[in-house]
């Protein structure tokens, strides 16, 4: 089965009702800048693929889920089943509140209240949750390291460095990868201030 995820990205399944598909797509597009690959059914499915098989694959392989709690969510044929699968896998579930409070299995999770937030504000807060939560912090750090290693310009290296400053996990292997990236990628090594920032970041984790 063709993979529905971007390689070396954190995999986020966005559960939503059809009425709010456009908002889900907007969120997914913005999250690409943070190294987060999103599955938005049915947007992420190629027309020739068996759509249910692809959804099941995405649910089996997602690192986390964002649940858009909107009017009509509980009456959808699919959304609650999607949540149930991720809940059963014990993966992080982030309820995004659009006027509907978390309920049932996800009632215990604190919701991100996005009713009055722009898409960019919502995405920024989602990123901060994913980069700091114990269940996704390591994967998010590895994702951002991969983005940094592949920086394609000075400005892109600076942008990726700013993302790295948010990580909540750094081990010896990551430190080694960051230093190699500085020495081997000239767009990083020659980006103003970035090599020093990398050393400061590594130092913060001792």
C-alpha atoms as a PDB file:
ATOM      1  CA  UNK A   1       0.000   0.000   0.000  1.00  0.00           C
ATOM      2  CA  UNK A   2       1.400   3.454  -0.889  1.00  0.00           C
ATOM      3  CA  UNK A   3       2.390   5.400   2.199  1.00  0.00           C
ATOM      4  CA  UNK A   4       0.160   8.339   3.038  1.00  0.00           C
ATOM      5  CA  UNK A   5       2.795  10.002   5.238  1.00  0.00           C
ATOM      6  CA  UNK A   6       5.767  12.226   4.473  1.00  0.00           C
ATOM      7  CA  UNK A   7       9.019  10.435   5.411  1.00  0.00           C
ATOM      8  CA  UNK A   8      10.872  11.528   8.559  1.00  0.00           C
ATOM      9  CA  UNK A   9       7.879  13.532   9.809  1.00  0.00           C
ATOM     10  CA  UNK A  10       5.747  13.156  12.898  1.00  0.00           C
ATOM     11  CA  UNK A  11       2.474  11.541  11.757  1.00  0.00           C
ATOM     12  CA  UNK A  12      -0.715  13.293  12.893  1.00  0.00           C
ATOM     13  CA  UNK A  13      -4.185  11.975  12.077  1.00  0.00           C
ATOM     14  CA  UNK A  14      -6.762  14.785  11.996  1.00  0.00           C
ATOM     15  CA  UNK A  15     -10.269  13.544  12.801  1.00  0.00           C
ATOM     16  CA  UNK A  16     -12.990  15.874  11.539  1.00  0.00           C
ATOM     17  CA  UNK A  17     -16.477  16.004  10.104  1.00  0.00           C
ATOM     18  CA  UNK A  18     -16.949  16.641   6.393  1.00  0.00           C
ATOM     19  CA  UNK A  19     -18.348  20.114   7.085  1.00  0.00           C
ATOM     20  CA  UNK A  20     -14.996  21.202   8.551  1.00  0.00           C
ATOM     21  CA  UNK A  21     -12.748  19.474   6.019  1.00  0.00           C
ATOM     22  CA  UNK A  22     -11.427  22.764   4.623  1.00  0.00           C
ATOM     23  CA  UNK A  23     -10.303  23.920   8.067  1.00  0.00           C
ATOM     24  CA  UNK A  24      -8.633  20.539   8.622  1.00  0.00           C
ATOM     25  CA  UNK A  25      -6.801  20.885   5.296  1.00  0.00           C
ATOM     26  CA  UNK A  26      -5.636  24.400   6.210  1.00  0.00           C
ATOM     27  CA  UNK A  27      -4.274  23.151   9.527  1.00  0.00           C
ATOM     28  CA  UNK A  28      -2.522  20.255   7.791  1.00  0.00           C
ATOM     29  CA  UNK A  29      -0.893  22.569   5.240  1.00  0.00           C
ATOM     30  CA  UNK A  30       0.433  24.894   7.952  1.00  0.00           C
ATOM     31  CA  UNK A  31       1.764  21.993  10.028  1.00  0.00           C
ATOM     32  CA  UNK A  32       4.047  20.941   7.151  1.00  0.00           C
ATOM     33  CA  UNK A  33       6.270  23.891   8.084  1.00  0.00           C
ATOM     34  CA  UNK A  34       6.827  22.223  11.458  1.00  0.00           C
ATOM     35  CA  UNK A  35       7.757  18.823  10.063  1.00  0.00           C
ATOM     36  CA  UNK A  36       4.346  17.346  10.859  1.00  0.00           C
ATOM     37  CA  UNK A  37       2.694  15.145   8.239  1.00  0.00           C
ATOM     38  CA  UNK A  38      -1.095  15.084   8.544  1.00  0.00           C
ATOM     39  CA  UNK A  39      -3.696  12.636   7.363  1.00  0.00           C
ATOM     40  CA  UNK A  40      -6.968  14.345   6.498  1.00  0.00           C
ATOM     41  CA  UNK A  41      -9.531  11.839   5.264  1.00  0.00           C
ATOM     42  CA  UNK A  42     -10.518  11.922   2.480  1.00  0.00           C
ATOM     43  CA  UNK A  43      -8.039  14.552   1.297  1.00  0.00           C
ATOM     44  CA  UNK A  44      -4.991  12.330   1.862  1.00  0.00           C
ATOM     45  CA  UNK A  45      -6.327   9.430  -0.222  1.00  0.00           C
ATOM     46  CA  UNK A  46      -5.595   8.952  -3.907  1.00  0.00           C
ATOM     47  CA  UNK A  47      -8.731   8.278  -5.999  1.00  0.00           C
ATOM     48  CA  UNK A  48      -7.467   4.852  -7.089  1.00  0.00           C
ATOM     49  CA  UNK A  49      -6.902   3.595  -3.546  1.00  0.00           C
ATOM     50  CA  UNK A  50      -9.378   1.737  -1.414  1.00  0.00           C
ATOM     51  CA  UNK A  51     -10.252   4.593   0.918  1.00  0.00           C
ATOM     52  CA  UNK A  52     -11.176   2.512   3.963  1.00  0.00           C
ATOM     53  CA  UNK A  53      -7.926   0.517   3.780  1.00  0.00           C
ATOM     54  CA  UNK A  54      -5.933   3.743   3.652  1.00  0.00           C
ATOM     55  CA  UNK A  55      -7.785   5.215   6.635  1.00  0.00           C
ATOM     56  CA  UNK A  56      -7.168   2.028   8.620  1.00  0.00           C
ATOM     57  CA  UNK A  57      -3.478   2.122   7.692  1.00  0.00           C
ATOM     58  CA  UNK A  58      -3.220   5.763   8.758  1.00  0.00           C
ATOM     59  CA  UNK A  59      -4.884   4.963  12.081  1.00  0.00           C
ATOM     60  CA  UNK A  60      -2.499   2.029  12.670  1.00  0.00           C
ATOM     61  CA  UNK A  61       0.606   4.105  11.977  1.00  0.00           C
ATOM     62  CA  UNK A  62      -0.208   7.606  13.311  1.00  0.00           C
ATOM     63  CA  UNK A  63       1.957   8.980  16.125  1.00  0.00           C
ATOM     64  CA  UNK A  64      -0.856  11.166  17.473  1.00  0.00           C
ATOM     65  CA  UNK A  65      -4.318  12.472  16.693  1.00  0.00           C
ATOM     66  CA  UNK A  66      -5.925  15.905  16.638  1.00  0.00           C
ATOM     67  CA  UNK A  67      -9.694  15.777  17.090  1.00  0.00           C
ATOM     68  CA  UNK A  68     -11.701  18.717  15.744  1.00  0.00           C
ATOM     69  CA  UNK A  69     -14.630  18.835  18.162  1.00  0.00           C
ATOM     70  CA  UNK A  70     -17.336  20.589  16.171  1.00  0.00           C
ATOM     71  CA  UNK A  71     -21.100  20.400  16.014  1.00  0.00           C
ATOM     72  CA  UNK A  72     -22.101  17.052  14.560  1.00  0.00           C
ATOM     73  CA  UNK A  73     -18.865  15.292  15.521  1.00  0.00           C
ATOM     74  CA  UNK A  74     -20.619  12.733  17.732  1.00  0.00           C
ATOM     75  CA  UNK A  75     -23.184  11.891  15.028  1.00  0.00           C
ATOM     76  CA  UNK A  76     -20.581  11.093  12.363  1.00  0.00           C
ATOM     77  CA  UNK A  77     -20.311   7.454  11.280  1.00  0.00           C
ATOM     78  CA  UNK A  78     -16.522   7.559  11.359  1.00  0.00           C
ATOM     79  CA  UNK A  79     -15.071  10.112  13.766  1.00  0.00           C
ATOM     80  CA  UNK A  80     -15.777   8.304  17.025  1.00  0.00           C
ATOM     81  CA  UNK A  81     -14.430   5.052  15.588  1.00  0.00           C
ATOM     82  CA  UNK A  82     -11.246   6.869  14.553  1.00  0.00           C
ATOM     83  CA  UNK A  83     -10.822   8.222  18.076  1.00  0.00           C
ATOM     84  CA  UNK A  84     -11.430   4.770  19.512  1.00  0.00           C
ATOM     85  CA  UNK A  85      -8.639   3.239  17.444  1.00  0.00           C
ATOM     86  CA  UNK A  86      -6.074   5.837  18.517  1.00  0.00           C
ATOM     87  CA  UNK A  87      -7.259   5.657  22.130  1.00  0.00           C
ATOM     88  CA  UNK A  88      -6.820   1.889  22.048  1.00  0.00           C
ATOM     89  CA  UNK A  89      -3.272   2.311  20.732  1.00  0.00           C
ATOM     90  CA  UNK A  90      -2.569   4.625  23.693  1.00  0.00           C
ATOM     91  CA  UNK A  91      -1.367   7.444  21.439  1.00  0.00           C
ATOM     92  CA  UNK A  92      -1.636  11.144  22.238  1.00  0.00           C
ATOM     93  CA  UNK A  93      -5.047  12.621  21.436  1.00  0.00           C
ATOM     94  CA  UNK A  94      -5.388  16.416  21.274  1.00  0.00           C
ATOM     95  CA  UNK A  95      -8.991  17.631  21.348  1.00  0.00           C
ATOM     96  CA  UNK A  96      -9.387  20.903  19.437  1.00  0.00           C
ATOM     97  CA  UNK A  97     -12.465  22.596  20.810  1.00  0.00           C
ATOM     98  CA  UNK A  98     -14.707  24.427  18.355  1.00  0.00           C
ATOM     99  CA  UNK A  99     -17.623  24.967  20.716  1.00  0.00           C
ATOM    100  CA  UNK A 100     -17.880  21.294  21.762  1.00  0.00           C
ATOM    101  CA  UNK A 101     -16.278  19.961  24.961  1.00  0.00           C
ATOM    102  CA  UNK A 102     -14.326  16.679  25.018  1.00  0.00           C
ATOM    103  CA  UNK A 103     -16.519  13.752  26.000  1.00  0.00           C
ATOM    104  CA  UNK A 104     -16.393   9.984  26.376  1.00  0.00           C
ATOM    105  CA  UNK A 105     -12.909   8.459  26.231  1.00  0.00           C
ATOM    106  CA  UNK A 106     -11.291  11.836  25.547  1.00  0.00           C
ATOM    107  CA  UNK A 107     -13.232  13.682  28.224  1.00  0.00           C
ATOM    108  CA  UNK A 108     -10.176  13.486  30.486  1.00  0.00           C
ATOM    109  CA  UNK A 109      -7.953  15.390  28.049  1.00  0.00           C
ATOM    110  CA  UNK A 110      -7.562  19.153  28.278  1.00  0.00           C
ATOM    111  CA  UNK A 111      -8.810  20.695  25.055  1.00  0.00           C
ATOM    112  CA  UNK A 112      -7.139  23.305  22.888  1.00  0.00           C
ATOM    113  CA  UNK A 113      -9.838  25.958  22.620  1.00  0.00           C
ATOM    114  CA  UNK A 114      -9.568  27.112  19.002  1.00  0.00           C
ATOM    115  CA  UNK A 115     -12.969  28.708  18.539  1.00  0.00           C
ATOM    116  CA  UNK A 116     -11.516  32.222  18.341  1.00  0.00           C
ATOM    117  CA  UNK A 117      -8.067  31.329  17.034  1.00  0.00           C
ATOM    118  CA  UNK A 118      -6.754  31.724  13.509  1.00  0.00           C
ATOM    119  CA  UNK A 119      -5.381  28.682  11.716  1.00  0.00           C
ATOM    120  CA  UNK A 120      -1.814  29.880  12.333  1.00  0.00           C
ATOM    121  CA  UNK A 121      -2.496  30.337  16.063  1.00  0.00           C
ATOM    122  CA  UNK A 122      -4.077  26.899  16.286  1.00  0.00           C
ATOM    123  CA  UNK A 123      -1.129  25.310  14.477  1.00  0.00           C
ATOM    124  CA  UNK A 124       1.403  27.071  16.713  1.00  0.00           C
ATOM    125  CA  UNK A 125      -0.302  25.712  19.823  1.00  0.00           C
ATOM    126  CA  UNK A 126      -0.581  22.229  18.360  1.00  0.00           C
ATOM    127  CA  UNK A 127       3.143  22.278  17.640  1.00  0.00           C
ATOM    128  CA  UNK A 128       3.964  23.317  21.206  1.00  0.00           C
ATOM    129  CA  UNK A 129       1.891  20.431  22.563  1.00  0.00           C
ATOM    130  CA  UNK A 130       3.463  17.862  20.236  1.00  0.00           C
ATOM    131  CA  UNK A 131       7.023  19.036  20.821  1.00  0.00           C
ATOM    132  CA  UNK A 132       6.679  18.930  24.618  1.00  0.00           C
ATOM    133  CA  UNK A 133       4.346  16.020  25.368  1.00  0.00           C
ATOM    134  CA  UNK A 134       6.217  12.970  26.768  1.00  0.00           C
ATOM    135  CA  UNK A 135       4.687  10.620  24.188  1.00  0.00           C
ATOM    136  CA  UNK A 136       5.727  12.702  21.163  1.00  0.00           C
ATOM    137  CA  UNK A 137       8.715  14.775  22.322  1.00  0.00           C
ATOM    138  CA  UNK A 138      11.380  12.342  21.069  1.00  0.00           C
ATOM    139  CA  UNK A 139       9.723  11.778  17.684  1.00  0.00           C
ATOM    140  CA  UNK A 140       9.194  15.516  17.276  1.00  0.00           C
ATOM    141  CA  UNK A 141      12.850  16.186  18.105  1.00  0.00           C
ATOM    142  CA  UNK A 142      13.993  13.628  15.524  1.00  0.00           C
ATOM    143  CA  UNK A 143      11.659  15.170  12.967  1.00  0.00           C
ATOM    144  CA  UNK A 144      13.069  18.655  13.529  1.00  0.00           C
ATOM    145  CA  UNK A 145      16.649  17.351  13.408  1.00  0.00           C
ATOM    146  CA  UNK A 146      15.897  15.806  10.015  1.00  0.00           C
ATOM    147  CA  UNK A 147      14.466  19.105   8.764  1.00  0.00           C
ATOM    148  CA  UNK A 148      17.546  20.922  10.049  1.00  0.00           C
ATOM    149  CA  UNK A 149      19.953  18.494   8.387  1.00  0.00           C
ATOM    150  CA  UNK A 150      18.256  19.134   5.055  1.00  0.00           C
ATOM    151  CA  UNK A 151      18.236  22.933   5.288  1.00  0.00           C
ATOM    152  CA  UNK A 152      18.505  24.242   1.722  1.00  0.00           C
ATOM    153  CA  UNK A 153      19.383  27.902   2.313  1.00  0.00           C
ATOM    154  CA  UNK A 154      20.725  30.215   5.006  1.00  0.00           C
ATOM    155  CA  UNK A 155      17.218  31.473   5.757  1.00  0.00           C
ATOM    156  CA  UNK A 156      15.845  27.932   5.859  1.00  0.00           C
ATOM    157  CA  UNK A 157      18.608  26.922   8.279  1.00  0.00           C
ATOM    158  CA  UNK A 158      17.713  29.862  10.548  1.00  0.00           C
ATOM    159  CA  UNK A 159      14.027  28.923  10.353  1.00  0.00           C
ATOM    160  CA  UNK A 160      14.769  25.296  11.217  1.00  0.00           C
ATOM    161  CA  UNK A 161      17.040  26.398  14.045  1.00  0.00           C
ATOM    162  CA  UNK A 162      14.171  28.379  15.567  1.00  0.00           C
ATOM    163  CA  UNK A 163      12.022  25.246  15.463  1.00  0.00           C
ATOM    164  CA  UNK A 164      14.783  23.233  17.128  1.00  0.00           C
ATOM    165  CA  UNK A 165      14.864  25.676  20.024  1.00  0.00           C
ATOM    166  CA  UNK A 166      11.477  24.281  21.064  1.00  0.00           C
ATOM    167  CA  UNK A 167      12.537  20.651  21.476  1.00  0.00           C
ATOM    168  CA  UNK A 168      12.086  18.958  24.821  1.00  0.00           C
ATOM    169  CA  UNK A 169      14.336  15.973  24.081  1.00  0.00           C
ATOM    170  CA  UNK A 170      17.983  15.718  23.056  1.00  0.00           C
ATOM    171  CA  UNK A 171      20.326  12.746  23.465  1.00  0.00           C
ATOM    172  CA  UNK A 172      23.922  12.041  22.390  1.00  0.00           C
ATOM    173  CA  UNK A 173      22.870  10.732  18.973  1.00  0.00           C
ATOM    174  CA  UNK A 174      20.901  13.886  18.233  1.00  0.00           C
ATOM    175  CA  UNK A 175      23.772  16.071  19.421  1.00  0.00           C
ATOM    176  CA  UNK A 176      26.129  14.215  17.064  1.00  0.00           C
ATOM    177  CA  UNK A 177      23.717  14.612  14.137  1.00  0.00           C
ATOM    178  CA  UNK A 178      23.394  18.341  14.774  1.00  0.00           C
ATOM    179  CA  UNK A 179      27.157  18.850  14.860  1.00  0.00           C
ATOM    180  CA  UNK A 180      27.628  16.821  11.676  1.00  0.00           C
ATOM    181  CA  UNK A 181      24.955  18.921   9.978  1.00  0.00           C
ATOM    182  CA  UNK A 182      26.826  22.091  10.928  1.00  0.00           C
ATOM    183  CA  UNK A 183      30.099  20.741   9.526  1.00  0.00           C
ATOM    184  CA  UNK A 184      28.761  19.155   6.339  1.00  0.00           C
ATOM    185  CA  UNK A 185      25.893  21.393   5.231  1.00  0.00           C
ATOM    186  CA  UNK A 186      27.330  24.748   4.194  1.00  0.00           C
ATOM    187  CA  UNK A 187      23.872  26.359   4.303  1.00  0.00           C
ATOM    188  CA  UNK A 188      23.869  25.593   8.038  1.00  0.00           C
ATOM    189  CA  UNK A 189      27.536  26.121   8.809  1.00  0.00           C
ATOM    190  CA  UNK A 190      27.540  29.546   7.159  1.00  0.00           C
ATOM    191  CA  UNK A 191      24.143  30.679   8.410  1.00  0.00           C
ATOM    192  CA  UNK A 192      24.652  33.643  10.727  1.00  0.00           C
ATOM    193  CA  UNK A 193      24.725  32.555  14.365  1.00  0.00           C
ATOM    194  CA  UNK A 194      23.380  29.039  13.756  1.00  0.00           C
ATOM    195  CA  UNK A 195      26.503  26.998  14.698  1.00  0.00           C
ATOM    196  CA  UNK A 196      26.754  28.861  18.018  1.00  0.00           C
ATOM    197  CA  UNK A 197      23.048  28.366  18.654  1.00  0.00           C
ATOM    198  CA  UNK A 198      23.439  24.636  18.091  1.00  0.00           C
ATOM    199  CA  UNK A 199      26.199  24.446  20.695  1.00  0.00           C
ATOM    200  CA  UNK A 200      24.089  26.422  23.161  1.00  0.00           C
ATOM    201  CA  UNK A 201      21.132  24.110  22.549  1.00  0.00           C
ATOM    202  CA  UNK A 202      23.238  20.998  23.122  1.00  0.00           C
ATOM    203  CA  UNK A 203      24.697  22.580  26.260  1.00  0.00           C
ATOM    204  CA  UNK A 204      21.215  23.167  27.690  1.00  0.00           C
ATOM    205  CA  UNK A 205      20.645  19.415  27.757  1.00  0.00           C
ATOM    206  CA  UNK A 206      23.982  18.789  29.455  1.00  0.00           C
END
